[in-house]
């Protein structure tokens, strides 16, 4: 027990020595504005909040969220294959996939998937 206590104290002091040395030889200053501020998608948090925002970036993120939720809805449908009537299961899945394809066609038709706009 005494040996374990001594080893823990030695490890504590060695780690404190390394932390102190790294604090003194680091190049980071406490007044560094960029490193002390949070990074929010490339925006400067200390500037005006009402700067122009790319609508296309917003639309791409919405498309991602829609298809991310779609995957979360398809997984339970796979697990219910043996429980539900097969004809009902196919109709539900077919309806769901057709709705997603119609949405994808609408996004493609509106040029939301082209990044060059």
PDB file of N, CA and C in Angstrom:
ATOM      1  N   UNK A   1       0.817  -1.192   0.000  1.00  0.00           N
ATOM      2  CA  UNK A   1       0.000   0.000   0.000  1.00  0.00           C
ATOM      3  C   UNK A   1       0.862   1.258   0.000  1.00  0.00           C
ATOM      4  N   UNK A   2       1.941   1.209   0.769  1.00  0.00           N
ATOM      5  CA  UNK A   2       2.858   2.350   0.821  1.00  0.00           C
ATOM      6  C   UNK A   2       3.528   2.567  -0.529  1.00  0.00           C
ATOM      7  N   UNK A   3       3.864   1.468  -1.195  1.00  0.00           N
ATOM      8  CA  UNK A   3       4.501   1.560  -2.507  1.00  0.00           C
ATOM      9  C   UNK A   3       3.567   2.221  -3.520  1.00  0.00           C
ATOM     10  N   UNK A   4       2.282   1.855  -3.472  1.00  0.00           N
ATOM     11  CA  UNK A   4       1.297   2.426  -4.388  1.00  0.00           C
ATOM     12  C   UNK A   4       1.124   3.926  -4.138  1.00  0.00           C
ATOM     13  N   UNK A   5       1.107   4.328  -2.895  1.00  0.00           N
ATOM     14  CA  UNK A   5       0.980   5.744  -2.552  1.00  0.00           C
ATOM     15  C   UNK A   5       2.182   6.529  -3.036  1.00  0.00           C
ATOM     16  N   UNK A   6       3.370   6.002  -2.851  1.00  0.00           N
ATOM     17  CA  UNK A   6       4.592   6.680  -3.295  1.00  0.00           C
ATOM     18  C   UNK A   6       4.602   6.803  -4.810  1.00  0.00           C
ATOM     19  N   UNK A   7       4.194   5.743  -5.515  1.00  0.00           N
ATOM     20  CA  UNK A   7       4.174   5.789  -6.980  1.00  0.00           C
ATOM     21  C   UNK A   7       3.162   6.811  -7.491  1.00  0.00           C
ATOM     22  N   UNK A   8       2.005   6.898  -6.822  1.00  0.00           N
ATOM     23  CA  UNK A   8       1.001   7.890  -7.220  1.00  0.00           C
ATOM     24  C   UNK A   8       1.516   9.309  -7.007  1.00  0.00           C
ATOM     25  N   UNK A   9       2.208   9.548  -5.900  1.00  0.00           N
ATOM     26  CA  UNK A   9       2.783  10.869  -5.645  1.00  0.00           C
ATOM     27  C   UNK A   9       3.867  11.211  -6.668  1.00  0.00           C
ATOM     28  N   UNK A  10       4.704  10.243  -6.993  1.00  0.00           N
ATOM     29  CA  UNK A  10       5.753  10.472  -7.996  1.00  0.00           C
ATOM     30  C   UNK A  10       5.125  10.803  -9.342  1.00  0.00           C
ATOM     31  N   UNK A  11       4.089  10.059  -9.743  1.00  0.00           N
ATOM     32  CA  UNK A  11       3.414  10.332 -11.018  1.00  0.00           C
ATOM     33  C   UNK A  11       2.749  11.704 -11.004  1.00  0.00           C
ATOM     34  N   UNK A  12       2.172  12.092  -9.863  1.00  0.00           N
ATOM     35  CA  UNK A  12       1.545  13.396  -9.750  1.00  0.00           C
ATOM     36  C   UNK A  12       2.580  14.509  -9.917  1.00  0.00           C
ATOM     37  N   UNK A  13       3.700  14.387  -9.243  1.00  0.00           N
ATOM     38  CA  UNK A  13       4.725  15.428  -9.335  1.00  0.00           C
ATOM     39  C   UNK A  13       5.355  15.484 -10.728  1.00  0.00           C
ATOM     40  N   UNK A  14       5.568  14.358 -11.354  1.00  0.00           N
ATOM     41  CA  UNK A  14       6.124  14.365 -12.711  1.00  0.00           C
ATOM     42  C   UNK A  14       5.146  15.020 -13.688  1.00  0.00           C
ATOM     43  N   UNK A  15       3.867  14.707 -13.558  1.00  0.00           N
ATOM     44  CA  UNK A  15       2.883  15.321 -14.451  1.00  0.00           C
ATOM     45  C   UNK A  15       2.775  16.823 -14.204  1.00  0.00           C
ATOM     46  N   UNK A  16       2.873  17.258 -12.942  1.00  0.00           N
ATOM     47  CA  UNK A  16       2.830  18.694 -12.652  1.00  0.00           C
ATOM     48  C   UNK A  16       4.057  19.409 -13.204  1.00  0.00           C
ATOM     49  N   UNK A  17       5.197  18.746 -13.164  1.00  0.00           N
ATOM     50  CA  UNK A  17       6.418  19.330 -13.741  1.00  0.00           C
ATOM     51  C   UNK A  17       6.244  19.499 -15.246  1.00  0.00           C
ATOM     52  N   UNK A  18       5.705  18.481 -15.933  1.00  0.00           N
ATOM     53  CA  UNK A  18       5.507  18.582 -17.380  1.00  0.00           C
ATOM     54  C   UNK A  18       4.478  19.648 -17.740  1.00  0.00           C
ATOM     55  N   UNK A  19       3.419  19.757 -16.960  1.00  0.00           N
ATOM     56  CA  UNK A  19       2.406  20.786 -17.227  1.00  0.00           C
ATOM     57  C   UNK A  19       3.001  22.175 -17.051  1.00  0.00           C
ATOM     58  N   UNK A  20       3.796  22.373 -16.014  1.00  0.00           N
ATOM     59  CA  UNK A  20       4.430  23.668 -15.771  1.00  0.00           C
ATOM     60  C   UNK A  20       5.411  24.016 -16.877  1.00  0.00           C
ATOM     61  N   UNK A  21       6.222  23.063 -17.299  1.00  0.00           N
ATOM     62  CA  UNK A  21       7.181  23.305 -18.381  1.00  0.00           C
ATOM     63  C   UNK A  21       6.457  23.650 -19.673  1.00  0.00           C
ATOM     64  N   UNK A  22       5.391  22.913 -20.003  1.00  0.00           N
ATOM     65  CA  UNK A  22       4.660  23.198 -21.241  1.00  0.00           C
ATOM     66  C   UNK A  22       3.975  24.560 -21.183  1.00  0.00           C
ATOM     67  N   UNK A  23       3.531  24.976 -19.995  1.00  0.00           N
ATOM     68  CA  UNK A  23       2.916  26.294 -19.864  1.00  0.00           C
ATOM     69  C   UNK A  23       3.919  27.401 -20.143  1.00  0.00           C
ATOM     70  N   UNK A  24       5.160  27.235 -19.680  1.00  0.00           N
ATOM     71  CA  UNK A  24       6.150  28.290 -19.859  1.00  0.00           C
ATOM     72  C   UNK A  24       6.756  28.315 -21.256  1.00  0.00           C
ATOM     73  N   UNK A  25       6.852  27.189 -21.924  1.00  0.00           N
ATOM     74  CA  UNK A  25       7.494  27.205 -23.238  1.00  0.00           C
ATOM     75  C   UNK A  25       6.493  27.244 -24.394  1.00  0.00           C
ATOM     76  N   UNK A  26       5.189  27.266 -24.111  1.00  0.00           N
ATOM     77  CA  UNK A  26       4.204  27.309 -25.197  1.00  0.00           C
ATOM     78  C   UNK A  26       4.162  28.702 -25.813  1.00  0.00           C
ATOM     79  N   UNK A  27       3.795  28.751 -27.096  1.00  0.00           N
ATOM     80  CA  UNK A  27       3.723  30.020 -27.812  1.00  0.00           C
ATOM     81  C   UNK A  27       2.343  30.654 -27.714  1.00  0.00           C
ATOM     82  N   UNK A  28       1.385  29.944 -27.148  1.00  0.00           N
ATOM     83  CA  UNK A  28       0.025  30.447 -27.061  1.00  0.00           C
ATOM     84  C   UNK A  28      -0.056  31.540 -25.999  1.00  0.00           C
ATOM     85  N   UNK A  29      -0.635  32.650 -26.381  1.00  0.00           N
ATOM     86  CA  UNK A  29      -0.840  33.714 -25.409  1.00  0.00           C
ATOM     87  C   UNK A  29      -2.304  33.714 -24.975  1.00  0.00           C
ATOM     88  N   UNK A  30      -2.565  34.234 -23.829  1.00  0.00           N
ATOM     89  CA  UNK A  30      -3.926  34.248 -23.308  1.00  0.00           C
ATOM     90  C   UNK A  30      -4.805  35.254 -24.034  1.00  0.00           C
ATOM     91  N   UNK A  31      -4.201  36.198 -24.716  1.00  0.00           N
ATOM     92  CA  UNK A  31      -4.967  37.226 -25.412  1.00  0.00           C
ATOM     93  C   UNK A  31      -5.167  36.904 -26.896  1.00  0.00           C
ATOM     94  N   UNK A  32      -4.851  35.706 -27.320  1.00  0.00           N
ATOM     95  CA  UNK A  32      -5.008  35.329 -28.719  1.00  0.00           C
ATOM     96  C   UNK A  32      -6.494  35.183 -29.031  1.00  0.00           C
ATOM     97  N   UNK A  33      -7.009  36.063 -29.866  1.00  0.00           N
ATOM     98  CA  UNK A  33      -8.448  36.153 -30.092  1.00  0.00           C
ATOM     99  C   UNK A  33      -9.011  34.919 -30.790  1.00  0.00           C
ATOM    100  N   UNK A  34      -8.344  34.417 -31.799  1.00  0.00           N
ATOM    101  CA  UNK A  34      -8.883  33.305 -32.574  1.00  0.00           C
ATOM    102  C   UNK A  34      -8.867  32.004 -31.787  1.00  0.00           C
ATOM    103  N   UNK A  35      -7.844  31.799 -30.982  1.00  0.00           N
ATOM    104  CA  UNK A  35      -7.757  30.543 -30.248  1.00  0.00           C
ATOM    105  C   UNK A  35      -8.642  30.522 -29.008  1.00  0.00           C
ATOM    106  N   UNK A  36      -9.010  31.675 -28.497  1.00  0.00           N
ATOM    107  CA  UNK A  36      -9.856  31.726 -27.312  1.00  0.00           C
ATOM    108  C   UNK A  36     -11.341  31.783 -27.641  1.00  0.00           C
ATOM    109  N   UNK A  37     -11.674  31.969 -28.917  1.00  0.00           N
ATOM    110  CA  UNK A  37     -13.078  32.065 -29.286  1.00  0.00           C
ATOM    111  C   UNK A  37     -13.562  30.747 -29.893  1.00  0.00           C
ATOM    112  N   UNK A  38     -14.836  30.459 -29.789  1.00  0.00           N
ATOM    113  CA  UNK A  38     -15.359  29.212 -30.367  1.00  0.00           C
ATOM    114  C   UNK A  38     -15.408  29.298 -31.886  1.00  0.00           C
ATOM    115  N   UNK A  39     -15.280  28.162 -32.533  1.00  0.00           N
ATOM    116  CA  UNK A  39     -15.339  28.113 -33.987  1.00  0.00           C
ATOM    117  C   UNK A  39     -16.742  27.710 -34.398  1.00  0.00           C
ATOM    118  N   UNK A  40     -17.444  28.589 -35.106  1.00  0.00           N
ATOM    119  CA  UNK A  40     -18.827  28.342 -35.511  1.00  0.00           C
ATOM    120  C   UNK A  40     -18.932  28.402 -37.030  1.00  0.00           C
ATOM    121  N   UNK A  41     -18.617  27.327 -37.687  1.00  0.00           N
ATOM    122  CA  UNK A  41     -18.784  27.192 -39.146  1.00  0.00           C
ATOM    123  C   UNK A  41     -18.076  28.305 -39.919  1.00  0.00           C
ATOM    124  N   UNK A  42     -16.949  28.744 -39.460  1.00  0.00           N
ATOM    125  CA  UNK A  42     -16.186  29.751 -40.174  1.00  0.00           C
ATOM    126  C   UNK A  42     -16.608  31.179 -39.898  1.00  0.00           C
ATOM    127  N   UNK A  43     -17.570  31.396 -39.005  1.00  0.00           N
ATOM    128  CA  UNK A  43     -18.011  32.748 -38.691  1.00  0.00           C
ATOM    129  C   UNK A  43     -17.236  33.284 -37.503  1.00  0.00           C
ATOM    130  N   UNK A  44     -17.019  34.574 -37.516  1.00  0.00           N
ATOM    131  CA  UNK A  44     -16.352  35.241 -36.398  1.00  0.00           C
ATOM    132  C   UNK A  44     -17.409  35.555 -35.341  1.00  0.00           C
ATOM    133  N   UNK A  45     -17.328  34.956 -34.149  1.00  0.00           N
ATOM    134  CA  UNK A  45     -18.385  35.177 -33.152  1.00  0.00           C
ATOM    135  C   UNK A  45     -18.367  36.577 -32.552  1.00  0.00           C
ATOM    136  N   UNK A  46     -17.305  37.340 -32.767  1.00  0.00           N
ATOM    137  CA  UNK A  46     -17.224  38.673 -32.175  1.00  0.00           C
ATOM    138  C   UNK A  46     -17.612  39.769 -33.159  1.00  0.00           C
ATOM    139  N   UNK A  47     -18.096  39.375 -34.357  1.00  0.00           N
ATOM    140  CA  UNK A  47     -18.543  40.376 -35.325  1.00  0.00           C
ATOM    141  C   UNK A  47     -20.061  40.468 -35.289  1.00  0.00           C
ATOM    142  N   UNK A  48     -20.632  41.209 -36.215  1.00  0.00           N
ATOM    143  CA  UNK A  48     -22.082  41.359 -36.269  1.00  0.00           C
ATOM    144  C   UNK A  48     -22.755  40.021 -36.547  1.00  0.00           C
ATOM    145  N   UNK A  49     -23.896  39.821 -35.929  1.00  0.00           N
ATOM    146  CA  UNK A  49     -24.622  38.566 -36.111  1.00  0.00           C
ATOM    147  C   UNK A  49     -25.456  38.566 -37.383  1.00  0.00           C
ATOM    148  N   UNK A  50     -25.719  39.708 -37.963  1.00  0.00           N
ATOM    149  CA  UNK A  50     -26.589  39.822 -39.138  1.00  0.00           C
ATOM    150  C   UNK A  50     -25.788  39.952 -40.436  1.00  0.00           C
ATOM    151  N   UNK A  51     -24.838  39.054 -40.635  1.00  0.00           N
ATOM    152  CA  UNK A  51     -24.080  39.067 -41.885  1.00  0.00           C
ATOM    153  C   UNK A  51     -24.778  38.173 -42.894  1.00  0.00           C
ATOM    154  N   UNK A  52     -24.574  38.387 -44.198  1.00  0.00           N
ATOM    155  CA  UNK A  52     -25.232  37.548 -45.210  1.00  0.00           C
ATOM    156  C   UNK A  52     -24.811  36.090 -45.066  1.00  0.00           C
ATOM    157  N   UNK A  53     -25.774  35.215 -45.248  1.00  0.00           N
ATOM    158  CA  UNK A  53     -25.550  33.778 -45.102  1.00  0.00           C
ATOM    159  C   UNK A  53     -25.913  33.114 -46.413  1.00  0.00           C
ATOM    160  N   UNK A  54     -25.114  32.131 -46.804  1.00  0.00           N
ATOM    161  CA  UNK A  54     -25.361  31.432 -48.058  1.00  0.00           C
ATOM    162  C   UNK A  54     -26.607  30.558 -47.926  1.00  0.00           C
ATOM    163  N   UNK A  55     -27.625  30.882 -48.699  1.00  0.00           N
ATOM    164  CA  UNK A  55     -28.849  30.102 -48.677  1.00  0.00           C
ATOM    165  C   UNK A  55     -28.612  28.697 -49.216  1.00  0.00           C
ATOM    166  N   UNK A  56     -27.694  28.571 -50.139  1.00  0.00           N
ATOM    167  CA  UNK A  56     -27.405  27.255 -50.706  1.00  0.00           C
ATOM    168  C   UNK A  56     -26.810  26.330 -49.644  1.00  0.00           C
ATOM    169  N   UNK A  57     -25.959  26.846 -48.786  1.00  0.00           N
ATOM    170  CA  UNK A  57     -25.414  26.042 -47.685  1.00  0.00           C
ATOM    171  C   UNK A  57     -26.529  25.559 -46.768  1.00  0.00           C
ATOM    172  N   UNK A  58     -27.484  26.427 -46.510  1.00  0.00           N
ATOM    173  CA  UNK A  58     -28.630  26.058 -45.679  1.00  0.00           C
ATOM    174  C   UNK A  58     -29.449  24.960 -46.342  1.00  0.00           C
ATOM    175  N   UNK A  59     -29.694  25.054 -47.648  1.00  0.00           N
ATOM    176  CA  UNK A  59     -30.486  24.047 -48.353  1.00  0.00           C
ATOM    177  C   UNK A  59     -29.783  22.697 -48.374  1.00  0.00           C
ATOM    178  N   UNK A  60     -28.475  22.696 -48.573  1.00  0.00           N
ATOM    179  CA  UNK A  60     -27.729  21.434 -48.556  1.00  0.00           C
ATOM    180  C   UNK A  60     -27.809  20.797 -47.170  1.00  0.00           C
ATOM    181  N   UNK A  61     -27.725  21.604 -46.120  1.00  0.00           N
ATOM    182  CA  UNK A  61     -27.826  21.030 -44.767  1.00  0.00           C
ATOM    183  C   UNK A  61     -29.228  20.481 -44.504  1.00  0.00           C
ATOM    184  N   UNK A  62     -30.263  21.125 -45.037  1.00  0.00           N
ATOM    185  CA  UNK A  62     -31.620  20.602 -44.880  1.00  0.00           C
ATOM    186  C   UNK A  62     -31.795  19.284 -45.634  1.00  0.00           C
ATOM    187  N   UNK A  63     -31.224  19.191 -46.827  1.00  0.00           N
ATOM    188  CA  UNK A  63     -31.289  17.944 -47.592  1.00  0.00           C
ATOM    189  C   UNK A  63     -30.586  16.830 -46.824  1.00  0.00           C
ATOM    190  N   UNK A  64     -29.439  17.139 -46.238  1.00  0.00           N
ATOM    191  CA  UNK A  64     -28.731  16.141 -45.434  1.00  0.00           C
ATOM    192  C   UNK A  64     -29.584  15.672 -44.263  1.00  0.00           C
ATOM    193  N   UNK A  65     -30.224  16.600 -43.565  1.00  0.00           N
ATOM    194  CA  UNK A  65     -31.057  16.223 -42.420  1.00  0.00           C
ATOM    195  C   UNK A  65     -32.242  15.370 -42.841  1.00  0.00           C
ATOM    196  N   UNK A  66     -32.849  15.706 -43.976  1.00  0.00           N
ATOM    197  CA  UNK A  66     -33.992  14.919 -44.448  1.00  0.00           C
ATOM    198  C   UNK A  66     -33.565  13.487 -44.735  1.00  0.00           C
ATOM    199  N   UNK A  67     -32.441  13.300 -45.433  1.00  0.00           N
ATOM    200  CA  UNK A  67     -32.029  11.948 -45.760  1.00  0.00           C
ATOM    201  C   UNK A  67     -31.433  11.227 -44.561  1.00  0.00           C
ATOM    202  N   UNK A  68     -30.952  11.963 -43.588  1.00  0.00           N
ATOM    203  CA  UNK A  68     -30.480  11.336 -42.357  1.00  0.00           C
ATOM    204  C   UNK A  68     -31.669  10.787 -41.564  1.00  0.00           C
ATOM    205  N   UNK A  69     -32.741  11.538 -41.485  1.00  0.00           N
ATOM    206  CA  UNK A  69     -33.947  11.074 -40.807  1.00  0.00           C
ATOM    207  C   UNK A  69     -34.561   9.913 -41.576  1.00  0.00           C
ATOM    208  N   UNK A  70     -34.464   9.945 -42.894  1.00  0.00           N
ATOM    209  CA  UNK A  70     -34.996   8.855 -43.715  1.00  0.00           C
ATOM    210  C   UNK A  70     -34.314   7.535 -43.381  1.00  0.00           C
ATOM    211  N   UNK A  71     -33.026   7.544 -43.182  1.00  0.00           N
ATOM    212  CA  UNK A  71     -32.310   6.320 -42.805  1.00  0.00           C
ATOM    213  C   UNK A  71     -32.791   5.843 -41.430  1.00  0.00           C
ATOM    214  N   UNK A  72     -33.013   6.776 -40.522  1.00  0.00           N
ATOM    215  CA  UNK A  72     -33.487   6.393 -39.191  1.00  0.00           C
ATOM    216  C   UNK A  72     -34.897   5.814 -39.238  1.00  0.00           C
ATOM    217  N   UNK A  73     -35.681   6.157 -40.256  1.00  0.00           N
ATOM    218  CA  UNK A  73     -37.022   5.598 -40.389  1.00  0.00           C
ATOM    219  C   UNK A  73     -37.035   4.273 -41.142  1.00  0.00           C
ATOM    220  N   UNK A  74     -36.049   4.036 -41.981  1.00  0.00           N
ATOM    221  CA  UNK A  74     -36.007   2.782 -42.741  1.00  0.00           C
ATOM    222  C   UNK A  74     -35.531   1.625 -41.866  1.00  0.00           C
ATOM    223  N   UNK A  75     -34.638   1.842 -40.940  1.00  0.00           N
ATOM    224  CA  UNK A  75     -34.135   0.753 -40.104  1.00  0.00           C
ATOM    225  C   UNK A  75     -35.236   0.013 -39.336  1.00  0.00           C
ATOM    226  N   UNK A  76     -36.186   0.694 -38.699  1.00  0.00           N
ATOM    227  CA  UNK A  76     -37.257  -0.073 -38.035  1.00  0.00           C
ATOM    228  C   UNK A  76     -38.135  -0.838 -39.018  1.00  0.00           C
ATOM    229  N   UNK A  77     -38.283  -0.333 -40.236  1.00  0.00           N
ATOM    230  CA  UNK A  77     -39.081  -1.055 -41.227  1.00  0.00           C
ATOM    231  C   UNK A  77     -38.444  -2.392 -41.575  1.00  0.00           C
ATOM    232  N   UNK A  78     -37.128  -2.433 -41.575  1.00  0.00           N
ATOM    233  CA  UNK A  78     -36.437  -3.693 -41.873  1.00  0.00           C
ATOM    234  C   UNK A  78     -36.687  -4.707 -40.762  1.00  0.00           C
ATOM    235  N   UNK A  79     -36.697  -4.261 -39.534  1.00  0.00           N
ATOM    236  CA  UNK A  79     -36.877  -5.206 -38.432  1.00  0.00           C
ATOM    237  C   UNK A  79     -38.319  -5.703 -38.313  1.00  0.00           C
ATOM    238  N   UNK A  80     -39.290  -5.010 -38.910  1.00  0.00           N
ATOM    239  CA  UNK A  80     -40.689  -5.434 -38.834  1.00  0.00           C
ATOM    240  C   UNK A  80     -41.099  -6.304 -40.013  1.00  0.00           C
ATOM    241  N   UNK A  81     -40.161  -6.747 -40.818  1.00  0.00           N
ATOM    242  CA  UNK A  81     -40.481  -7.525 -42.016  1.00  0.00           C
ATOM    243  C   UNK A  81     -41.217  -8.815 -41.678  1.00  0.00           C
ATOM    244  N   UNK A  82     -40.819  -9.533 -40.630  1.00  0.00           N
ATOM    245  CA  UNK A  82     -41.440 -10.817 -40.298  1.00  0.00           C
ATOM    246  C   UNK A  82     -42.688 -10.669 -39.429  1.00  0.00           C
ATOM    247  N   UNK A  83     -42.921  -9.508 -38.859  1.00  0.00           N
ATOM    248  CA  UNK A  83     -44.056  -9.310 -37.953  1.00  0.00           C
ATOM    249  C   UNK A  83     -45.314  -8.887 -38.723  1.00  0.00           C
ATOM    250  N   UNK A  84     -45.156  -7.972 -39.671  1.00  0.00           N
ATOM    251  CA  UNK A  84     -46.288  -7.378 -40.379  1.00  0.00           C
ATOM    252  C   UNK A  84     -46.611  -8.216 -41.617  1.00  0.00           C
ATOM    253  N   UNK A  85     -47.837  -8.097 -42.089  1.00  0.00           N
ATOM    254  CA  UNK A  85     -48.246  -8.731 -43.333  1.00  0.00           C
ATOM    255  C   UNK A  85     -47.328  -8.262 -44.462  1.00  0.00           C
ATOM    256  N   UNK A  86     -46.868  -9.183 -45.295  1.00  0.00           N
ATOM    257  CA  UNK A  86     -45.858  -8.858 -46.321  1.00  0.00           C
ATOM    258  C   UNK A  86     -46.398  -7.849 -47.324  1.00  0.00           C
ATOM    259  N   UNK A  87     -47.658  -7.949 -47.706  1.00  0.00           N
ATOM    260  CA  UNK A  87     -48.219  -7.007 -48.687  1.00  0.00           C
ATOM    261  C   UNK A  87     -48.281  -5.598 -48.100  1.00  0.00           C
ATOM    262  N   UNK A  88     -48.721  -5.492 -46.851  1.00  0.00           N
ATOM    263  CA  UNK A  88     -48.736  -4.165 -46.202  1.00  0.00           C
ATOM    264  C   UNK A  88     -47.321  -3.609 -46.064  1.00  0.00           C
ATOM    265  N   UNK A  89     -46.378  -4.481 -45.724  1.00  0.00           N
ATOM    266  CA  UNK A  89     -45.003  -4.043 -45.558  1.00  0.00           C
ATOM    267  C   UNK A  89     -44.452  -3.485 -46.868  1.00  0.00           C
ATOM    268  N   UNK A  90     -44.709  -4.168 -47.976  1.00  0.00           N
ATOM    269  CA  UNK A  90     -44.220  -3.692 -49.273  1.00  0.00           C
ATOM    270  C   UNK A  90     -44.895  -2.386 -49.671  1.00  0.00           C
ATOM    271  N   UNK A  91     -46.172  -2.247 -49.395  1.00  0.00           N
ATOM    272  CA  UNK A  91     -46.884  -1.013 -49.754  1.00  0.00           C
ATOM    273  C   UNK A  91     -46.360   0.179 -48.954  1.00  0.00           C
ATOM    274  N   UNK A  92     -46.125  -0.036 -47.668  1.00  0.00           N
ATOM    275  CA  UNK A  92     -45.591   1.045 -46.827  1.00  0.00           C
ATOM    276  C   UNK A  92     -44.198   1.448 -47.301  1.00  0.00           C
ATOM    277  N   UNK A  93     -43.340   0.470 -47.551  1.00  0.00           N
ATOM    278  CA  UNK A  93     -41.985   0.773 -48.010  1.00  0.00           C
ATOM    279  C   UNK A  93     -41.989   1.432 -49.380  1.00  0.00           C
ATOM    280  N   UNK A  94     -42.827   0.935 -50.282  1.00  0.00           N
ATOM    281  CA  UNK A  94     -42.896   1.510 -51.626  1.00  0.00           C
ATOM    282  C   UNK A  94     -43.376   2.955 -51.568  1.00  0.00           C
ATOM    283  N   UNK A  95     -44.396   3.214 -50.750  1.00  0.00           N
ATOM    284  CA  UNK A  95     -44.884   4.588 -50.587  1.00  0.00           C
ATOM    285  C   UNK A  95     -43.800   5.495 -50.025  1.00  0.00           C
ATOM    286  N   UNK A  96     -43.093   5.019 -49.019  1.00  0.00           N
ATOM    287  CA  UNK A  96     -42.028   5.813 -48.380  1.00  0.00           C
ATOM    288  C   UNK A  96     -40.911   6.117 -49.376  1.00  0.00           C
ATOM    289  N   UNK A  97     -40.472   5.133 -50.131  1.00  0.00           N
ATOM    290  CA  UNK A  97     -39.362   5.339 -51.076  1.00  0.00           C
ATOM    291  C   UNK A  97     -39.809   6.224 -52.238  1.00  0.00           C
ATOM    292  N   UNK A  98     -41.058   6.069 -52.702  1.00  0.00           N
ATOM    293  CA  UNK A  98     -41.550   6.936 -53.778  1.00  0.00           C
ATOM    294  C   UNK A  98     -41.611   8.381 -53.308  1.00  0.00           C
ATOM    295  N   UNK A  99     -42.047   8.613 -52.084  1.00  0.00           N
ATOM    296  CA  UNK A  99     -42.068   9.990 -51.554  1.00  0.00           C
ATOM    297  C   UNK A  99     -40.665  10.580 -51.483  1.00  0.00           C
ATOM    298  N   UNK A 100     -39.690   9.773 -51.079  1.00  0.00           N
ATOM    299  CA  UNK A 100     -38.316  10.266 -51.040  1.00  0.00           C
ATOM    300  C   UNK A 100     -37.787  10.555 -52.431  1.00  0.00           C
ATOM    301  N   UNK A 101     -38.107   9.711 -53.392  1.00  0.00           N
ATOM    302  CA  UNK A 101     -37.654   9.938 -54.761  1.00  0.00           C
ATOM    303  C   UNK A 101     -38.321  11.163 -55.371  1.00  0.00           C
ATOM    304  N   UNK A 102     -39.583  11.396 -55.057  1.00  0.00           N
ATOM    305  CA  UNK A 102     -40.255  12.617 -55.534  1.00  0.00           C
ATOM    306  C   UNK A 102     -39.579  13.851 -54.935  1.00  0.00           C
ATOM    307  N   UNK A 103     -39.246  13.791 -53.644  1.00  0.00           N
ATOM    308  CA  UNK A 103     -38.532  14.910 -53.008  1.00  0.00           C
ATOM    309  C   UNK A 103     -37.160  15.123 -53.616  1.00  0.00           C
ATOM    310  N   UNK A 104     -36.448  14.024 -53.904  1.00  0.00           N
ATOM    311  CA  UNK A 104     -35.136  14.150 -54.530  1.00  0.00           C
ATOM    312  C   UNK A 104     -35.251  14.737 -55.932  1.00  0.00           C
ATOM    313  N   UNK A 105     -36.266  14.319 -56.693  1.00  0.00           N
ATOM    314  CA  UNK A 105     -36.477  14.874 -58.026  1.00  0.00           C
ATOM    315  C   UNK A 105     -36.799  16.368 -57.939  1.00  0.00           C
ATOM    316  N   UNK A 106     -37.616  16.755 -56.963  1.00  0.00           N
ATOM    317  CA  UNK A 106     -37.951  18.176 -56.799  1.00  0.00           C
ATOM    318  C   UNK A 106     -36.697  18.999 -56.469  1.00  0.00           C
ATOM    319  N   UNK A 107     -35.852  18.470 -55.581  1.00  0.00           N
ATOM    320  CA  UNK A 107     -34.605  19.180 -55.248  1.00  0.00           C
ATOM    321  C   UNK A 107     -33.695  19.274 -56.458  1.00  0.00           C
ATOM    322  N   UNK A 108     -33.626  18.221 -57.234  1.00  0.00           N
ATOM    323  CA  UNK A 108     -32.791  18.224 -58.432  1.00  0.00           C
ATOM    324  C   UNK A 108     -33.358  19.190 -59.469  1.00  0.00           C
ATOM    325  N   UNK A 109     -34.692  19.228 -59.607  1.00  0.00           N
ATOM    326  CA  UNK A 109     -35.346  20.115 -60.564  1.00  0.00           C
ATOM    327  C   UNK A 109     -35.166  21.582 -60.172  1.00  0.00           C
ATOM    328  N   UNK A 110     -35.099  21.874 -58.894  1.00  0.00           N
ATOM    329  CA  UNK A 110     -34.918  23.242 -58.412  1.00  0.00           C
ATOM    330  C   UNK A 110     -33.443  23.657 -58.357  1.00  0.00           C
ATOM    331  N   UNK A 111     -32.536  22.799 -58.821  1.00  0.00           N
ATOM    332  CA  UNK A 111     -31.080  23.036 -58.823  1.00  0.00           C
ATOM    333  C   UNK A 111     -30.522  23.239 -57.421  1.00  0.00           C
ATOM    334  N   UNK A 112     -31.110  22.560 -56.428  1.00  0.00           N
ATOM    335  CA  UNK A 112     -30.582  22.647 -55.080  1.00  0.00           C
ATOM    336  C   UNK A 112     -29.337  21.778 -54.902  1.00  0.00           C
ATOM    337  N   UNK A 113     -29.158  20.807 -55.772  1.00  0.00           N
ATOM    338  CA  UNK A 113     -28.027  19.897 -55.639  1.00  0.00           C
ATOM    339  C   UNK A 113     -26.787  20.391 -56.383  1.00  0.00           C
ATOM    340  N   UNK A 114     -26.899  21.485 -57.129  1.00  0.00           N
ATOM    341  CA  UNK A 114     -25.748  22.073 -57.829  1.00  0.00           C
ATOM    342  C   UNK A 114     -25.085  23.100 -56.924  1.00  0.00           C
ATOM    343  N   UNK A 115     -23.827  22.900 -56.634  1.00  0.00           N
ATOM    344  CA  UNK A 115     -23.109  23.802 -55.734  1.00  0.00           C
ATOM    345  C   UNK A 115     -22.683  25.086 -56.443  1.00  0.00           C
ATOM    346  N   UNK A 116     -22.711  25.129 -57.759  1.00  0.00           N
ATOM    347  CA  UNK A 116     -22.183  26.275 -58.510  1.00  0.00           C
ATOM    348  C   UNK A 116     -23.161  27.429 -58.603  1.00  0.00           C
ATOM    349  N   UNK A 117     -24.376  27.332 -58.090  1.00  0.00           N
ATOM    350  CA  UNK A 117     -25.344  28.424 -58.198  1.00  0.00           C
ATOM    351  C   UNK A 117     -24.959  29.590 -57.346  1.00  0.00           C
TER     352      UNK A 117
END
